[in-house]
């Protein structure tokens, strides 16, 4: 997951590391510094583990996709064609 998208800092490997380190009483600050993450991210992973005993799922990230109806799609295409034609003349 992390190799495809360079923006994603949290990987399954890092999640396992956080859980293992917190189980061994390593401080959140040290873990965050080691993994180059924020302390709040480390806390979020750990709190999810303490509640559910399952690692945090990172399969989805980013903004949710919006569904667009056919009329809106056609309108966007028409406006794009008009504006691009006006720019060339």
PDB file of N, CA and C in Angstrom:
ATOM      1  N   UNK A   1       0.824  -1.187   0.000  1.00  0.00           N
ATOM      2  CA  UNK A   1       0.000   0.000   0.000  1.00  0.00           C
ATOM      3  C   UNK A   1       0.865   1.247   0.000  1.00  0.00           C
ATOM      4  N   UNK A   2       1.842   1.329   0.875  1.00  0.00           N
ATOM      5  CA  UNK A   2       2.665   2.508   0.979  1.00  0.00           C
ATOM      6  C   UNK A   2       3.587   2.711  -0.216  1.00  0.00           C
ATOM      7  N   UNK A   3       3.945   1.641  -0.921  1.00  0.00           N
ATOM      8  CA  UNK A   3       4.855   1.771  -2.043  1.00  0.00           C
ATOM      9  C   UNK A   3       4.180   2.386  -3.255  1.00  0.00           C
ATOM     10  N   UNK A   4       2.893   2.161  -3.419  1.00  0.00           N
ATOM     11  CA  UNK A   4       2.173   2.723  -4.548  1.00  0.00           C
ATOM     12  C   UNK A   4       1.949   4.212  -4.373  1.00  0.00           C
ATOM     13  N   UNK A   5       1.612   4.619  -3.162  1.00  0.00           N
ATOM     14  CA  UNK A   5       1.296   6.013  -2.889  1.00  0.00           C
ATOM     15  C   UNK A   5       2.298   6.554  -1.877  1.00  0.00           C
ATOM     16  N   UNK A   6       3.162   7.463  -2.300  1.00  0.00           N
ATOM     17  CA  UNK A   6       4.206   7.984  -1.428  1.00  0.00           C
ATOM     18  C   UNK A   6       3.651   8.853  -0.307  1.00  0.00           C
ATOM     19  N   UNK A   7       2.405   9.317  -0.441  1.00  0.00           N
ATOM     20  CA  UNK A   7       1.810  10.171   0.578  1.00  0.00           C
ATOM     21  C   UNK A   7       1.432   9.359   1.811  1.00  0.00           C
ATOM     22  N   UNK A   8       1.080   8.102   1.630  1.00  0.00           N
ATOM     23  CA  UNK A   8       0.652   7.254   2.737  1.00  0.00           C
ATOM     24  C   UNK A   8       1.863   6.910   3.594  1.00  0.00           C
ATOM     25  N   UNK A   9       1.852   7.355   4.839  1.00  0.00           N
ATOM     26  CA  UNK A   9       2.976   7.084   5.724  1.00  0.00           C
ATOM     27  C   UNK A   9       2.764   5.832   6.555  1.00  0.00           C
ATOM     28  N   UNK A  10       1.527   5.454   6.762  1.00  0.00           N
ATOM     29  CA  UNK A  10       1.226   4.341   7.639  1.00  0.00           C
ATOM     30  C   UNK A  10       1.055   3.069   6.815  1.00  0.00           C
ATOM     31  N   UNK A  11       1.888   2.066   7.072  1.00  0.00           N
ATOM     32  CA  UNK A  11       1.810   0.793   6.366  1.00  0.00           C
ATOM     33  C   UNK A  11       1.502  -0.307   7.375  1.00  0.00           C
ATOM     34  N   UNK A  12       1.186  -1.493   6.878  1.00  0.00           N
ATOM     35  CA  UNK A  12       0.905  -2.623   7.769  1.00  0.00           C
ATOM     36  C   UNK A  12       2.143  -2.972   8.602  1.00  0.00           C
ATOM     37  N   UNK A  13       3.309  -2.842   8.011  1.00  0.00           N
ATOM     38  CA  UNK A  13       4.553  -3.129   8.734  1.00  0.00           C
ATOM     39  C   UNK A  13       4.725  -2.162   9.908  1.00  0.00           C
ATOM     40  N   UNK A  14       4.447  -0.874   9.689  1.00  0.00           N
ATOM     41  CA  UNK A  14       4.556   0.116  10.752  1.00  0.00           C
ATOM     42  C   UNK A  14       3.508  -0.113  11.834  1.00  0.00           C
ATOM     43  N   UNK A  15       2.313  -0.536  11.438  1.00  0.00           N
ATOM     44  CA  UNK A  15       1.260  -0.818  12.421  1.00  0.00           C
ATOM     45  C   UNK A  15       1.687  -1.963  13.330  1.00  0.00           C
ATOM     46  N   UNK A  16       2.251  -3.016  12.754  1.00  0.00           N
ATOM     47  CA  UNK A  16       2.727  -4.144  13.570  1.00  0.00           C
ATOM     48  C   UNK A  16       3.848  -3.700  14.508  1.00  0.00           C
ATOM     49  N   UNK A  17       4.728  -2.840  14.018  1.00  0.00           N
ATOM     50  CA  UNK A  17       5.824  -2.321  14.839  1.00  0.00           C
ATOM     51  C   UNK A  17       5.278  -1.527  16.023  1.00  0.00           C
ATOM     52  N   UNK A  18       4.294  -0.673  15.766  1.00  0.00           N
ATOM     53  CA  UNK A  18       3.695   0.140  16.832  1.00  0.00           C
ATOM     54  C   UNK A  18       3.091  -0.752  17.908  1.00  0.00           C
ATOM     55  N   UNK A  19       2.335  -1.754  17.496  1.00  0.00           N
ATOM     56  CA  UNK A  19       1.686  -2.649  18.459  1.00  0.00           C
ATOM     57  C   UNK A  19       2.728  -3.402  19.273  1.00  0.00           C
ATOM     58  N   UNK A  20       3.766  -3.900  18.601  1.00  0.00           N
ATOM     59  CA  UNK A  20       4.815  -4.647  19.292  1.00  0.00           C
ATOM     60  C   UNK A  20       5.560  -3.738  20.275  1.00  0.00           C
ATOM     61  N   UNK A  21       5.876  -2.520  19.844  1.00  0.00           N
ATOM     62  CA  UNK A  21       6.627  -1.598  20.703  1.00  0.00           C
ATOM     63  C   UNK A  21       5.789  -1.147  21.902  1.00  0.00           C
ATOM     64  N   UNK A  22       4.520  -0.819  21.670  1.00  0.00           N
ATOM     65  CA  UNK A  22       3.660  -0.378  22.778  1.00  0.00           C
ATOM     66  C   UNK A  22       3.428  -1.520  23.764  1.00  0.00           C
ATOM     67  N   UNK A  23       3.378  -2.755  23.269  1.00  0.00           N
ATOM     68  CA  UNK A  23       3.232  -3.910  24.159  1.00  0.00           C
ATOM     69  C   UNK A  23       4.452  -4.026  25.067  1.00  0.00           C
ATOM     70  N   UNK A  24       5.609  -3.620  24.549  1.00  0.00           N
ATOM     71  CA  UNK A  24       6.853  -3.664  25.333  1.00  0.00           C
ATOM     72  C   UNK A  24       7.115  -2.356  26.094  1.00  0.00           C
ATOM     73  N   UNK A  25       6.080  -1.533  26.253  1.00  0.00           N
ATOM     74  CA  UNK A  25       6.130  -0.291  27.038  1.00  0.00           C
ATOM     75  C   UNK A  25       7.104   0.755  26.497  1.00  0.00           C
ATOM     76  N   UNK A  26       7.245   0.843  25.201  1.00  0.00           N
ATOM     77  CA  UNK A  26       8.034   1.913  24.590  1.00  0.00           C
ATOM     78  C   UNK A  26       7.117   3.137  24.484  1.00  0.00           C
ATOM     79  N   UNK A  27       7.669   4.316  24.728  1.00  0.00           N
ATOM     80  CA  UNK A  27       6.831   5.512  24.746  1.00  0.00           C
ATOM     81  C   UNK A  27       6.362   5.887  23.339  1.00  0.00           C
ATOM     82  N   UNK A  28       5.229   6.556  23.300  1.00  0.00           N
ATOM     83  CA  UNK A  28       4.634   6.994  22.037  1.00  0.00           C
ATOM     84  C   UNK A  28       5.565   7.955  21.315  1.00  0.00           C
ATOM     85  N   UNK A  29       6.212   8.823  22.049  1.00  0.00           N
ATOM     86  CA  UNK A  29       7.107   9.818  21.455  1.00  0.00           C
ATOM     87  C   UNK A  29       8.277   9.151  20.729  1.00  0.00           C
ATOM     88  N   UNK A  30       8.857   8.135  21.343  1.00  0.00           N
ATOM     89  CA  UNK A  30       9.992   7.430  20.733  1.00  0.00           C
ATOM     90  C   UNK A  30       9.550   6.681  19.480  1.00  0.00           C
ATOM     91  N   UNK A  31       8.402   6.019  19.548  1.00  0.00           N
ATOM     92  CA  UNK A  31       7.879   5.284  18.387  1.00  0.00           C
ATOM     93  C   UNK A  31       7.614   6.248  17.240  1.00  0.00           C
ATOM     94  N   UNK A  32       6.981   7.368  17.539  1.00  0.00           N
ATOM     95  CA  UNK A  32       6.666   8.350  16.499  1.00  0.00           C
ATOM     96  C   UNK A  32       7.939   8.874  15.840  1.00  0.00           C
ATOM     97  N   UNK A  33       8.955   9.114  16.628  1.00  0.00           N
ATOM     98  CA  UNK A  33      10.218   9.614  16.084  1.00  0.00           C
ATOM     99  C   UNK A  33      10.898   8.555  15.215  1.00  0.00           C
ATOM    100  N   UNK A  34      10.894   7.301  15.659  1.00  0.00           N
ATOM    101  CA  UNK A  34      11.511   6.209  14.900  1.00  0.00           C
ATOM    102  C   UNK A  34      10.852   6.019  13.538  1.00  0.00           C
ATOM    103  N   UNK A  35       9.529   6.089  13.508  1.00  0.00           N
ATOM    104  CA  UNK A  35       8.784   5.800  12.279  1.00  0.00           C
ATOM    105  C   UNK A  35       8.468   7.042  11.458  1.00  0.00           C
ATOM    106  N   UNK A  36       8.878   8.210  11.952  1.00  0.00           N
ATOM    107  CA  UNK A  36       8.587   9.485  11.289  1.00  0.00           C
ATOM    108  C   UNK A  36       7.086   9.684  11.100  1.00  0.00           C
ATOM    109  N   UNK A  37       6.348   9.431  12.180  1.00  0.00           N
ATOM    110  CA  UNK A  37       4.906   9.627  12.224  1.00  0.00           C
ATOM    111  C   UNK A  37       4.594  10.613  13.334  1.00  0.00           C
ATOM    112  N   UNK A  38       3.353  11.079  13.359  1.00  0.00           N
ATOM    113  CA  UNK A  38       2.947  11.949  14.463  1.00  0.00           C
ATOM    114  C   UNK A  38       2.573  11.085  15.669  1.00  0.00           C
ATOM    115  N   UNK A  39       2.648  11.688  16.825  1.00  0.00           N
ATOM    116  CA  UNK A  39       2.281  10.978  18.052  1.00  0.00           C
ATOM    117  C   UNK A  39       0.805  10.590  18.023  1.00  0.00           C
ATOM    118  N   UNK A  40      -0.023  11.449  17.442  1.00  0.00           N
ATOM    119  CA  UNK A  40      -1.457  11.144  17.395  1.00  0.00           C
ATOM    120  C   UNK A  40      -1.740   9.912  16.522  1.00  0.00           C
ATOM    121  N   UNK A  41      -0.960   9.708  15.477  1.00  0.00           N
ATOM    122  CA  UNK A  41      -1.137   8.521  14.640  1.00  0.00           C
ATOM    123  C   UNK A  41      -0.788   7.269  15.422  1.00  0.00           C
ATOM    124  N   UNK A  42       0.301   7.330  16.170  1.00  0.00           N
ATOM    125  CA  UNK A  42       0.704   6.188  16.998  1.00  0.00           C
ATOM    126  C   UNK A  42      -0.378   5.893  18.035  1.00  0.00           C
ATOM    127  N   UNK A  43      -0.904   6.946  18.668  1.00  0.00           N
ATOM    128  CA  UNK A  43      -1.964   6.757  19.666  1.00  0.00           C
ATOM    129  C   UNK A  43      -3.223   6.166  19.041  1.00  0.00           C
ATOM    130  N   UNK A  44      -3.544   6.625  17.831  1.00  0.00           N
ATOM    131  CA  UNK A  44      -4.746   6.125  17.145  1.00  0.00           C
ATOM    132  C   UNK A  44      -4.624   4.635  16.843  1.00  0.00           C
ATOM    133  N   UNK A  45      -3.447   4.206  16.376  1.00  0.00           N
ATOM    134  CA  UNK A  45      -3.215   2.786  16.088  1.00  0.00           C
ATOM    135  C   UNK A  45      -3.299   1.977  17.372  1.00  0.00           C
ATOM    136  N   UNK A  46      -2.675   2.465  18.430  1.00  0.00           N
ATOM    137  CA  UNK A  46      -2.664   1.742  19.702  1.00  0.00           C
ATOM    138  C   UNK A  46      -4.070   1.657  20.321  1.00  0.00           C
ATOM    139  N   UNK A  47      -4.823   2.746  20.291  1.00  0.00           N
ATOM    140  CA  UNK A  47      -6.176   2.732  20.849  1.00  0.00           C
ATOM    141  C   UNK A  47      -7.076   1.769  20.073  1.00  0.00           C
ATOM    142  N   UNK A  48      -6.915   1.713  18.773  1.00  0.00           N
ATOM    143  CA  UNK A  48      -7.708   0.763  17.977  1.00  0.00           C
ATOM    144  C   UNK A  48      -7.350  -0.662  18.377  1.00  0.00           C
ATOM    145  N   UNK A  49      -6.068  -0.913  18.607  1.00  0.00           N
ATOM    146  CA  UNK A  49      -5.626  -2.256  19.016  1.00  0.00           C
ATOM    147  C   UNK A  49      -6.176  -2.620  20.399  1.00  0.00           C
ATOM    148  N   UNK A  50      -6.163  -1.670  21.338  1.00  0.00           N
ATOM    149  CA  UNK A  50      -6.633  -1.990  22.691  1.00  0.00           C
ATOM    150  C   UNK A  50      -8.139  -2.241  22.719  1.00  0.00           C
ATOM    151  N   UNK A  51      -8.882  -1.563  21.838  1.00  0.00           N
ATOM    152  CA  UNK A  51     -10.335  -1.766  21.806  1.00  0.00           C
ATOM    153  C   UNK A  51     -10.746  -3.051  21.101  1.00  0.00           C
ATOM    154  N   UNK A  52     -10.113  -3.340  19.963  1.00  0.00           N
ATOM    155  CA  UNK A  52     -10.594  -4.429  19.110  1.00  0.00           C
ATOM    156  C   UNK A  52      -9.678  -5.641  19.059  1.00  0.00           C
ATOM    157  N   UNK A  53      -8.434  -5.509  19.499  1.00  0.00           N
ATOM    158  CA  UNK A  53      -7.411  -6.551  19.388  1.00  0.00           C
ATOM    159  C   UNK A  53      -7.178  -6.956  17.936  1.00  0.00           C
ATOM    160  N   UNK A  54      -7.428  -6.009  17.032  1.00  0.00           N
ATOM    161  CA  UNK A  54      -7.158  -6.203  15.610  1.00  0.00           C
ATOM    162  C   UNK A  54      -6.368  -4.989  15.120  1.00  0.00           C
ATOM    163  N   UNK A  55      -5.404  -5.204  14.199  1.00  0.00           N
ATOM    164  CA  UNK A  55      -4.652  -4.055  13.668  1.00  0.00           C
ATOM    165  C   UNK A  55      -5.558  -3.102  12.897  1.00  0.00           C
ATOM    166  N   UNK A  56      -5.172  -1.855  12.859  1.00  0.00           N
ATOM    167  CA  UNK A  56      -5.913  -0.833  12.137  1.00  0.00           C
ATOM    168  C   UNK A  56      -5.917  -1.152  10.650  1.00  0.00           C
ATOM    169  N   UNK A  57      -7.085  -1.068  10.018  1.00  0.00           N
ATOM    170  CA  UNK A  57      -7.207  -1.341   8.594  1.00  0.00           C
ATOM    171  C   UNK A  57      -6.941  -0.061   7.813  1.00  0.00           C
ATOM    172  N   UNK A  58      -5.992  -0.105   6.890  1.00  0.00           N
ATOM    173  CA  UNK A  58      -5.638   1.096   6.124  1.00  0.00           C
ATOM    174  C   UNK A  58      -5.954   0.917   4.642  1.00  0.00           C
ATOM    175  N   UNK A  59      -6.925   0.089   4.331  1.00  0.00           N
ATOM    176  CA  UNK A  59      -7.180  -0.220   2.924  1.00  0.00           C
ATOM    177  C   UNK A  59      -7.702   0.975   2.144  1.00  0.00           C
ATOM    178  N   UNK A  60      -8.457   1.862   2.774  1.00  0.00           N
ATOM    179  CA  UNK A  60      -9.022   2.999   2.057  1.00  0.00           C
ATOM    180  C   UNK A  60      -8.446   4.291   2.609  1.00  0.00           C
ATOM    181  N   UNK A  61      -8.114   5.204   1.705  1.00  0.00           N
ATOM    182  CA  UNK A  61      -7.618   6.497   2.112  1.00  0.00           C
ATOM    183  C   UNK A  61      -8.068   7.522   1.085  1.00  0.00           C
ATOM    184  N   UNK A  62      -8.005   8.764   1.460  1.00  0.00           N
ATOM    185  CA  UNK A  62      -8.361   9.835   0.537  1.00  0.00           C
ATOM    186  C   UNK A  62      -9.834  10.187   0.586  1.00  0.00           C
ATOM    187  N   UNK A  63     -10.199  11.062  -0.298  1.00  0.00           N
ATOM    188  CA  UNK A  63     -11.562  11.559  -0.358  1.00  0.00           C
ATOM    189  C   UNK A  63     -12.481  10.535  -1.013  1.00  0.00           C
ATOM    190  N   UNK A  64     -13.726  10.456  -0.542  1.00  0.00           N
ATOM    191  CA  UNK A  64     -14.697   9.537  -1.126  1.00  0.00           C
ATOM    192  C   UNK A  64     -15.110  10.033  -2.506  1.00  0.00           C
ATOM    193  N   UNK A  65     -15.328   9.099  -3.404  1.00  0.00           N
ATOM    194  CA  UNK A  65     -15.735   9.436  -4.770  1.00  0.00           C
ATOM    195  C   UNK A  65     -17.208   9.823  -4.775  1.00  0.00           C
ATOM    196  N   UNK A  66     -17.538  10.852  -5.560  1.00  0.00           N
ATOM    197  CA  UNK A  66     -18.923  11.269  -5.696  1.00  0.00           C
ATOM    198  C   UNK A  66     -19.508  10.653  -6.949  1.00  0.00           C
ATOM    199  N   UNK A  67     -20.742  10.200  -6.858  1.00  0.00           N
ATOM    200  CA  UNK A  67     -21.454   9.689  -8.024  1.00  0.00           C
ATOM    201  C   UNK A  67     -22.001  10.874  -8.814  1.00  0.00           C
ATOM    202  N   UNK A  68     -21.899  10.790 -10.147  1.00  0.00           N
ATOM    203  CA  UNK A  68     -22.367  11.881 -10.985  1.00  0.00           C
ATOM    204  C   UNK A  68     -23.397  11.337 -11.978  1.00  0.00           C
ATOM    205  N   UNK A  69     -24.507  12.061 -12.114  1.00  0.00           N
ATOM    206  CA  UNK A  69     -25.527  11.624 -13.057  1.00  0.00           C
ATOM    207  C   UNK A  69     -25.135  12.018 -14.485  1.00  0.00           C
ATOM    208  N   UNK A  70     -25.809  11.445 -15.434  1.00  0.00           N
ATOM    209  CA  UNK A  70     -25.486  11.637 -16.855  1.00  0.00           C
ATOM    210  C   UNK A  70     -25.638  13.096 -17.293  1.00  0.00           C
ATOM    211  N   UNK A  71     -26.649  13.793 -16.787  1.00  0.00           N
ATOM    212  CA  UNK A  71     -26.876  15.188 -17.172  1.00  0.00           C
ATOM    213  C   UNK A  71     -25.711  16.074 -16.729  1.00  0.00           C
ATOM    214  N   UNK A  72     -25.235  15.889 -15.543  1.00  0.00           N
ATOM    215  CA  UNK A  72     -24.109  16.678 -15.039  1.00  0.00           C
ATOM    216  C   UNK A  72     -22.852  16.397 -15.847  1.00  0.00           C
ATOM    217  N   UNK A  73     -22.655  15.144 -16.192  1.00  0.00           N
ATOM    218  CA  UNK A  73     -21.486  14.766 -16.973  1.00  0.00           C
ATOM    219  C   UNK A  73     -21.505  15.433 -18.352  1.00  0.00           C
ATOM    220  N   UNK A  74     -22.653  15.453 -18.991  1.00  0.00           N
ATOM    221  CA  UNK A  74     -22.791  16.086 -20.302  1.00  0.00           C
ATOM    222  C   UNK A  74     -22.571  17.596 -20.210  1.00  0.00           C
ATOM    223  N   UNK A  75     -23.084  18.202 -19.150  1.00  0.00           N
ATOM    224  CA  UNK A  75     -22.908  19.634 -18.953  1.00  0.00           C
ATOM    225  C   UNK A  75     -21.424  19.996 -18.807  1.00  0.00           C
ATOM    226  N   UNK A  76     -20.708  19.206 -18.055  1.00  0.00           N
ATOM    227  CA  UNK A  76     -19.273  19.450 -17.872  1.00  0.00           C
ATOM    228  C   UNK A  76     -18.533  19.321 -19.199  1.00  0.00           C
ATOM    229  N   UNK A  77     -18.887  18.306 -19.981  1.00  0.00           N
ATOM    230  CA  UNK A  77     -18.246  18.121 -21.282  1.00  0.00           C
ATOM    231  C   UNK A  77     -18.528  19.293 -22.215  1.00  0.00           C
ATOM    232  N   UNK A  78     -19.760  19.775 -22.224  1.00  0.00           N
ATOM    233  CA  UNK A  78     -20.124  20.908 -23.083  1.00  0.00           C
ATOM    234  C   UNK A  78     -19.371  22.174 -22.677  1.00  0.00           C
ATOM    235  N   UNK A  79     -19.316  22.460 -21.376  1.00  0.00           N
ATOM    236  CA  UNK A  79     -18.619  23.657 -20.893  1.00  0.00           C
ATOM    237  C   UNK A  79     -17.135  23.552 -21.211  1.00  0.00           C
ATOM    238  N   UNK A  80     -16.554  22.373 -21.085  1.00  0.00           N
ATOM    239  CA  UNK A  80     -15.142  22.187 -21.399  1.00  0.00           C
ATOM    240  C   UNK A  80     -14.880  22.454 -22.874  1.00  0.00           C
ATOM    241  N   UNK A  81     -15.762  21.945 -23.728  1.00  0.00           N
ATOM    242  CA  UNK A  81     -15.587  22.174 -25.168  1.00  0.00           C
ATOM    243  C   UNK A  81     -15.711  23.650 -25.522  1.00  0.00           C
ATOM    244  N   UNK A  82     -16.665  24.322 -24.922  1.00  0.00           N
ATOM    245  CA  UNK A  82     -16.876  25.751 -25.194  1.00  0.00           C
ATOM    246  C   UNK A  82     -15.678  26.572 -24.725  1.00  0.00           C
ATOM    247  N   UNK A  83     -15.217  26.299 -23.516  1.00  0.00           N
ATOM    248  CA  UNK A  83     -14.116  27.088 -22.968  1.00  0.00           C
ATOM    249  C   UNK A  83     -12.803  26.817 -23.703  1.00  0.00           C
ATOM    250  N   UNK A  84     -12.576  25.595 -24.137  1.00  0.00           N
ATOM    251  CA  UNK A  84     -11.334  25.317 -24.861  1.00  0.00           C
ATOM    252  C   UNK A  84     -11.383  25.912 -26.265  1.00  0.00           C
ATOM    253  N   UNK A  85     -12.562  25.956 -26.882  1.00  0.00           N
ATOM    254  CA  UNK A  85     -12.686  26.558 -28.208  1.00  0.00           C
ATOM    255  C   UNK A  85     -12.493  28.055 -28.130  1.00  0.00           C
ATOM    256  N   UNK A  86     -12.956  28.686 -27.057  1.00  0.00           N
ATOM    257  CA  UNK A  86     -12.816  30.135 -26.900  1.00  0.00           C
ATOM    258  C   UNK A  86     -11.380  30.543 -26.638  1.00  0.00           C
ATOM    259  N   UNK A  87     -10.601  29.680 -26.025  1.00  0.00           N
ATOM    260  CA  UNK A  87      -9.231  30.021 -25.688  1.00  0.00           C
ATOM    261  C   UNK A  87      -8.340  29.996 -26.929  1.00  0.00           C
ATOM    262  N   UNK A  88      -8.683  29.212 -27.915  1.00  0.00           N
ATOM    263  CA  UNK A  88      -7.815  29.085 -29.106  1.00  0.00           C
ATOM    264  C   UNK A  88      -8.094  30.176 -30.128  1.00  0.00           C
ATOM    265  N   UNK A  89      -9.212  30.862 -30.032  1.00  0.00           N
ATOM    266  CA  UNK A  89      -9.523  31.905 -31.017  1.00  0.00           C
ATOM    267  C   UNK A  89      -9.132  33.275 -30.574  1.00  0.00           C
TER     268      UNK A  89
END
